Amino acid sequence: MSGENARTYSGREFSAEDMTILKATTQMYPNLSQKEMASTVCELIGWVTPNGKPKAVQCIEFMRQLEQDGLIVLPEVKKRSIRQKKEATAASIERQAEEGTDRSEVTACGAIALEIVRPGKKLEQWREYVSSYHKLGDPRVIGSQIRYMITSEGRDLGCLLFSSSSWALAPREKWIGWTAEEKKARLHLIANNSRFLILPRVHVKNLASRALSMAARRIQRDWLGEYCYAPVLLETFVEPPYKGTSYKASNWTYLGETQGRGRNDRRNEWALTQKSIYALPLQRDFRDVLKGIKPCKAVNPDDA
C-alpha cells in the first residue's frame, strides 16, 4: 500500500499520512491482537469518540477491508473452540438455576424499569436472550450503542438496543430536509433502535409501547453520559409481517419503506427485504439541530 492512497470509511477521511501510520503500525507490531492494534492506530491518528475513547471496533472493520483488498496483513483472530462455547453456555444455564431466575410465564408485573447493560453477567444474559429469541439474533454492532434490559421487580422482561444510525435512507433524508453534506456532518445525532425483544414468556398488555416510551424519555441523558453528546432523533425498521403496532402506540412516525439494502450499504450491493421506517423526534427543534441551524444539546424530555 502506497502512503498516498487516502481513503474514507465510516464518515472519516483518512489522509495519506493516516494511511502510512496505519500500515507502519501493522508491520511494526505483528504480535498485537487486532483490538490492541486498532486501539494503537486510533491513538496515533486521533480517531476517537467525543469523550476520547478510541473507535477500535470501527478501526478493526476498516483494517479488515484493507486486508481483503490485499493492502495490509492483520494478526489472526483467536476464536473460542466449539467446546469452550458449549461450556460457556452450560455455565450460563447453571448460573441461572443457582440464582433462581424466574422462567415461568409472566402475565402481570409491577413497576417497569430500564437498566443499562454493562459488560459482565448482565451483558452475557442480554446476549443470550437476543441470540435465542430475536429473529435477527445478537448483532455485531459498530460505533455508539446503549443496551437496556427491561425489568420489573427483579425479573427480566425484555431487551432493547440503540446503536448508530443507518447511512442511507431516502425517506428519512426527505422528511428531515437534509442535504448530503448536512447528513455527513450530523448523522451521529440519530440513534437506531436496532433490537427490541419482549421475552416469549412475557404477556403483559402494552408492555412494548411502555418500554419504548420510557427509553425515549431517558436516552438523551444516557447517551450524553456515555458519549458526551445526545441524539435528537430515533429511527427503527419494522420487517413484515410485523405492523409496528408498539411504535405507532408510542407516537413514532411512519416515513416510508427501505430500498431493500443493508443499513450501511453504499454501493447497492446487498438485496434485502424491504422494511417500514419509523422515526421519533426527541425534541421539537430536531430538524434545526440536524441541519446545523441550532447546536446539539441535551434537553429535559419533559420539556421537549
Protein backbone atom coordinates (compact mmCIF):
# COMPACT_ATOMS: atom_id res chain seq x y z
CA MET A 1 0.00 0.00 0.00
CA SER A 2 1.45 3.30 -1.00
CA GLY A 3 1.20 6.09 1.50
CA GLU A 4 -0.51 8.45 -0.90
CA ASN A 5 -3.70 6.35 -1.13
CA ALA A 6 -6.19 8.26 1.03
CA ARG A 7 -9.47 6.57 1.92
CA THR A 8 -12.86 7.30 3.52
CA TYR A 9 -14.60 4.96 5.96
CA SER A 10 -17.45 5.37 8.46
CA GLY A 11 -17.66 9.09 7.74
CA ARG A 12 -13.94 9.71 8.35
CA GLU A 13 -11.46 10.77 5.70
CA PHE A 14 -8.09 9.08 6.14
CA SER A 15 -5.27 11.21 4.79
CA ALA A 16 -2.16 9.83 3.11
CA GLU A 17 -0.32 10.35 6.41
CA ASP A 18 -3.03 8.42 8.30
CA MET A 19 -2.71 5.51 5.89
CA THR A 20 1.06 5.48 6.20
CA ILE A 21 0.79 5.35 10.01
CA LEU A 22 -1.79 2.55 9.81
CA LYS A 23 0.38 0.43 7.52
CA ALA A 24 3.52 1.04 9.59
CA THR A 25 1.68 0.02 12.78
CA THR A 26 0.55 -3.30 11.31
CA GLN A 27 4.11 -4.01 10.16
CA MET A 28 5.87 -2.98 13.38
CA TYR A 29 3.57 -4.73 15.88
CA PRO A 30 2.53 -8.07 14.32
CA ASN A 31 2.16 -9.71 17.75
CA LEU A 32 -0.60 -7.39 18.93
CA SER A 33 -4.18 -8.62 18.91
CA GLN A 34 -6.49 -6.98 16.39
CA LYS A 35 -8.16 -5.00 19.18
CA GLU A 36 -4.82 -3.80 20.55
CA MET A 37 -3.63 -2.87 17.08
CA ALA A 38 -6.82 -0.95 16.33
CA SER A 39 -6.59 0.96 19.62
CA THR A 40 -2.98 1.85 18.83
CA VAL A 41 -3.88 3.12 15.36
CA CYS A 42 -6.77 5.17 16.77
CA GLU A 43 -4.48 6.78 19.33
CA LEU A 44 -1.85 7.63 16.72
CA ILE A 45 -4.23 9.20 14.19
CA GLY A 46 -6.74 10.65 16.67
CA TRP A 47 -9.73 8.52 15.66
CA VAL A 48 -11.73 8.79 18.88
CA THR A 49 -15.27 9.40 20.17
CA PRO A 50 -16.25 12.82 21.61
CA ASN A 51 -15.30 11.55 25.09
CA GLY A 52 -11.85 10.47 23.91
CA LYS A 53 -12.32 6.69 23.60
CA PRO A 54 -10.65 5.04 20.59
CA LYS A 55 -13.02 3.89 17.85
CA ALA A 56 -11.45 0.44 17.95
CA VAL A 57 -14.43 -1.50 16.60
CA GLN A 58 -14.76 0.72 13.53
CA CYS A 59 -10.99 0.63 13.06
CA ILE A 60 -10.95 -3.18 13.10
CA GLU A 61 -13.65 -3.27 10.40
CA PHE A 62 -11.73 -0.73 8.30
CA MET A 63 -8.48 -2.68 8.61
CA ARG A 64 -10.25 -5.90 7.65
CA GLN A 65 -11.47 -4.21 4.49
CA LEU A 66 -7.91 -3.15 3.73
CA GLU A 67 -6.73 -6.72 4.33
CA GLN A 68 -9.37 -8.06 1.93
CA ASP A 69 -8.01 -5.64 -0.67
CA GLY A 70 -4.53 -7.09 -0.09
CA LEU A 71 -3.15 -3.85 1.34
CA ILE A 72 -2.22 -4.96 4.88
CA VAL A 73 -1.89 -8.17 6.91
CA LEU A 74 -3.63 -8.48 10.28
CA PRO A 75 -2.91 -10.93 13.10
CA GLU A 76 -5.23 -13.95 13.20
CA VAL A 77 -8.30 -13.76 15.41
CA LYS A 78 -8.14 -16.18 18.31
CA LYS A 79 -11.55 -17.82 18.33
CA ARG A 80 -13.00 -19.87 21.12
CA SER A 81 -13.43 -23.54 20.29
CA ILE A 82 -16.88 -25.14 19.98
CA ARG A 83 -16.18 -26.94 23.24
CA GLN A 84 -15.43 -23.66 25.01
CA LYS A 85 -18.64 -22.11 23.68
CA LYS A 86 -20.67 -25.10 24.89
CA GLU A 87 -19.02 -24.90 28.29
CA ALA A 88 -19.83 -21.17 28.50
CA THR A 89 -23.49 -21.82 27.61
CA ALA A 90 -23.70 -24.62 30.16
CA ALA A 91 -22.17 -22.36 32.82
CA SER A 92 -24.73 -19.65 32.00
CA ILE A 93 -27.62 -22.08 32.38
CA GLU A 94 -26.18 -23.42 35.63
CA ARG A 95 -25.75 -19.87 36.97
CA GLN A 96 -29.35 -19.04 36.16
CA ALA A 97 -30.51 -22.12 38.06
CA GLU A 98 -28.37 -21.19 41.06
CA GLU A 99 -29.71 -17.64 41.06
CA GLY A 100 -33.29 -18.85 40.79
CA THR A 101 -34.11 -16.99 37.57
CA ASP A 102 -37.88 -16.96 37.10
CA ARG A 103 -38.70 -18.79 33.84
CA SER A 104 -42.48 -19.04 34.42
CA GLU A 105 -44.98 -17.16 32.25
CA VAL A 106 -45.44 -13.50 33.17
CA THR A 107 -48.92 -12.03 32.60
CA ALA A 108 -48.70 -9.10 35.04
CA CYS A 109 -45.90 -7.05 36.51
CA GLY A 110 -45.21 -4.16 38.82
CA ALA A 111 -43.26 -1.01 38.01
CA ILE A 112 -41.18 -1.31 34.84
CA ALA A 113 -37.53 -0.24 34.80
CA LEU A 114 -34.83 0.06 32.15
CA GLU A 115 -31.33 -0.95 33.23
CA ILE A 116 -28.28 -0.03 31.14
CA VAL A 117 -26.48 -3.29 30.39
CA ARG A 118 -22.77 -3.23 31.22
CA PRO A 119 -20.08 -5.83 30.40
CA GLY A 120 -20.32 -8.81 32.72
CA LYS A 121 -23.05 -11.26 33.66
CA LYS A 122 -25.86 -8.93 32.62
CA LEU A 123 -24.43 -8.48 29.14
CA GLU A 124 -23.99 -12.24 28.79
CA GLN A 125 -27.64 -12.69 29.76
CA TRP A 126 -28.79 -9.95 27.35
CA ARG A 127 -26.87 -11.59 24.50
CA GLU A 128 -28.30 -14.99 25.35
CA TYR A 129 -31.86 -13.65 25.26
CA VAL A 130 -31.38 -11.88 21.93
CA SER A 131 -29.48 -14.79 20.37
CA SER A 132 -32.17 -17.26 21.45
CA TYR A 133 -35.38 -15.34 20.89
CA HIS A 134 -34.88 -12.50 18.39
CA LYS A 135 -35.38 -13.32 14.72
CA LEU A 136 -32.19 -11.48 13.71
CA GLY A 137 -30.10 -12.70 16.64
CA ASP A 138 -27.37 -10.86 18.54
CA PRO A 139 -25.98 -8.18 16.21
CA ARG A 140 -22.38 -7.24 15.67
CA VAL A 141 -22.69 -3.54 16.48
CA ILE A 142 -20.20 -0.91 15.37
CA GLY A 143 -19.98 2.54 16.91
CA SER A 144 -22.04 4.18 19.66
CA GLN A 145 -24.56 1.94 21.38
CA ILE A 146 -26.63 1.51 24.54
CA ARG A 147 -28.28 -1.74 25.62
CA TYR A 148 -31.18 -1.83 28.09
CA MET A 149 -32.71 -4.71 30.00
CA ILE A 150 -36.44 -4.26 30.59
CA THR A 151 -37.14 -5.44 34.14
CA SER A 152 -39.82 -5.49 36.83
CA GLU A 153 -39.29 -6.48 40.46
CA GLY A 154 -36.08 -8.34 39.66
CA ARG A 155 -37.48 -10.21 36.66
CA ASP A 156 -36.14 -9.77 33.12
CA LEU A 157 -38.91 -8.94 30.67
CA GLY A 158 -37.09 -7.91 27.50
CA CYS A 159 -34.19 -6.24 25.75
CA LEU A 160 -33.54 -3.01 23.84
CA LEU A 161 -30.57 -1.92 21.75
CA PHE A 162 -29.94 1.56 20.37
CA SER A 163 -26.94 1.94 18.05
CA SER A 164 -25.55 4.04 15.22
CA SER A 165 -27.99 5.19 12.55
CA SER A 166 -28.24 3.84 9.01
CA TRP A 167 -26.15 5.56 6.38
CA ALA A 168 -28.69 5.93 3.56
CA LEU A 169 -32.48 6.22 3.98
CA ALA A 170 -34.08 8.32 1.25
CA PRO A 171 -37.48 8.73 3.04
CA ARG A 172 -35.68 9.87 6.20
CA GLU A 173 -33.48 12.36 4.37
CA LYS A 174 -36.52 13.80 2.54
CA TRP A 175 -38.54 14.02 5.78
CA ILE A 176 -35.73 15.86 7.58
CA GLY A 177 -34.91 18.05 4.56
CA TRP A 178 -31.24 17.01 4.67
CA THR A 179 -28.57 17.77 2.11
CA ALA A 180 -25.76 15.26 1.62
CA GLU A 181 -23.30 17.49 3.49
CA GLU A 182 -25.70 18.05 6.39
CA LYS A 183 -26.22 14.30 6.73
CA LYS A 184 -22.50 13.60 6.66
CA ALA A 185 -21.87 16.16 9.40
CA ARG A 186 -24.68 15.18 11.79
CA LEU A 187 -25.71 11.58 11.09
CA HIS A 188 -24.40 10.65 14.54
CA LEU A 189 -27.27 12.64 16.08
CA ILE A 190 -29.70 9.86 15.09
CA ALA A 191 -29.83 6.59 17.06
CA ASN A 192 -31.26 3.39 15.61
CA ASN A 193 -33.40 1.05 17.70
CA SER A 194 -31.76 -1.98 16.13
CA ARG A 195 -33.09 -4.65 18.52
CA PHE A 196 -36.31 -4.84 20.55
CA LEU A 197 -37.38 -8.02 22.27
CA ILE A 198 -40.11 -8.92 24.74
CA LEU A 199 -39.31 -12.38 26.09
CA PRO A 200 -41.66 -15.13 24.84
CA ARG A 201 -42.81 -15.98 28.38
CA VAL A 202 -43.92 -12.38 28.98
CA HIS A 203 -47.53 -11.46 28.08
CA VAL A 204 -48.13 -8.06 29.68
CA LYS A 205 -50.56 -5.69 27.97
CA ASN A 206 -48.96 -2.54 26.49
CA LEU A 207 -45.52 -3.50 27.83
CA ALA A 208 -43.79 -2.93 24.47
CA SER A 209 -45.12 0.60 23.97
CA ARG A 210 -44.47 1.48 27.63
CA ALA A 211 -40.85 0.33 27.36
CA LEU A 212 -40.33 2.30 24.14
CA SER A 213 -41.75 5.44 25.72
CA MET A 214 -39.50 5.05 28.78
CA ALA A 215 -36.45 4.64 26.55
CA ALA A 216 -37.35 7.76 24.56
CA ARG A 217 -37.62 9.82 27.76
CA ARG A 218 -34.18 8.88 29.05
CA ILE A 219 -31.96 8.06 26.08
CA GLN A 220 -30.69 11.61 25.55
CA ARG A 221 -29.45 11.75 29.14
CA ASP A 222 -27.96 8.24 28.97
CA TRP A 223 -26.28 8.83 25.59
CA LEU A 224 -24.84 12.12 26.80
CA GLY A 225 -23.35 10.34 29.80
CA GLU A 226 -21.76 7.67 27.62
CA TYR A 227 -20.62 9.68 24.59
CA CYS A 228 -20.68 13.39 25.52
CA TYR A 229 -23.41 14.24 23.02
CA ALA A 230 -27.11 13.44 22.73
CA PRO A 231 -29.16 12.21 19.74
CA VAL A 232 -32.17 14.27 18.72
CA LEU A 233 -33.99 11.63 16.66
CA LEU A 234 -34.64 7.88 16.92
CA GLU A 235 -35.24 5.56 13.96
CA THR A 236 -36.13 1.90 13.53
CA PHE A 237 -37.12 -0.66 10.92
CA VAL A 238 -40.12 -2.97 11.06
CA GLU A 239 -39.91 -6.06 8.87
CA PRO A 240 -43.02 -7.84 7.55
CA PRO A 241 -45.20 -9.47 8.76
CA TYR A 242 -44.93 -7.15 11.81
CA LYS A 243 -47.04 -3.98 11.67
CA GLY A 244 -45.13 -1.68 14.04
CA THR A 245 -48.09 -1.52 16.44
CA SER A 246 -46.00 -0.75 19.54
CA TYR A 247 -44.11 2.02 17.72
CA LYS A 248 -47.34 3.61 16.50
CA ALA A 249 -48.72 3.45 20.05
CA SER A 250 -45.57 5.27 21.24
CA ASN A 251 -46.06 8.11 18.68
CA TRP A 252 -43.36 7.04 16.22
CA THR A 253 -43.96 8.37 12.69
CA TYR A 254 -44.03 6.14 9.61
CA LEU A 255 -41.65 7.56 6.98
CA GLY A 256 -41.79 5.01 4.16
CA GLU A 257 -40.05 1.83 3.04
CA THR A 258 -36.38 0.93 2.74
CA GLN A 259 -34.94 0.08 -0.67
CA GLY A 260 -34.06 -3.47 0.39
CA ARG A 261 -30.38 -2.70 1.04
CA GLY A 262 -28.20 -3.19 4.09
CA ARG A 263 -28.19 -0.42 6.70
CA ASN A 264 -24.60 0.57 5.75
CA ASP A 265 -24.72 -0.36 2.05
CA ARG A 266 -23.29 2.48 -0.02
CA ARG A 267 -22.78 0.51 -3.26
CA ASN A 268 -26.23 -1.01 -3.87
CA GLU A 269 -24.77 -4.49 -3.43
CA TRP A 270 -26.97 -6.14 -0.79
CA ALA A 271 -30.52 -7.16 -1.71
CA LEU A 272 -32.63 -7.49 1.45
CA THR A 273 -36.30 -7.50 2.43
CA GLN A 274 -37.96 -4.08 2.36
CA LYS A 275 -38.78 -2.74 5.81
CA SER A 276 -41.00 0.03 7.14
CA ILE A 277 -39.12 3.04 8.54
CA TYR A 278 -40.34 4.73 11.73
CA ALA A 279 -38.87 7.78 13.47
CA LEU A 280 -39.37 9.59 16.78
CA PRO A 281 -38.11 13.14 17.43
CA LEU A 282 -36.60 13.63 20.90
CA GLN A 283 -37.01 17.41 20.89
CA ARG A 284 -39.14 19.89 18.98
CA ASP A 285 -36.27 21.59 17.16
CA PHE A 286 -34.67 18.32 15.98
CA ARG A 287 -34.71 19.43 12.32
CA ASP A 288 -32.86 22.67 13.11
CA VAL A 289 -30.22 20.69 15.00
CA LEU A 290 -29.83 18.08 12.25
CA LYS A 291 -29.49 20.83 9.63
CA GLY A 292 -26.94 22.75 11.70
CA ILE A 293 -29.16 25.76 12.37
CA LYS A 294 -29.07 25.11 16.12
CA PRO A 295 -26.34 23.45 18.20
CA CYS A 296 -26.71 19.93 19.54
CA LYS A 297 -27.64 19.79 23.20
CA ALA A 298 -29.43 17.50 25.64
CA VAL A 299 -32.82 18.65 26.83
CA ASN A 300 -35.15 17.66 29.64
CA PRO A 301 -37.52 15.14 27.97
CA ASP A 302 -40.45 16.59 29.93
CA ASP A 303 -39.74 19.99 28.32
CA ALA A 304 -39.19 18.67 24.78
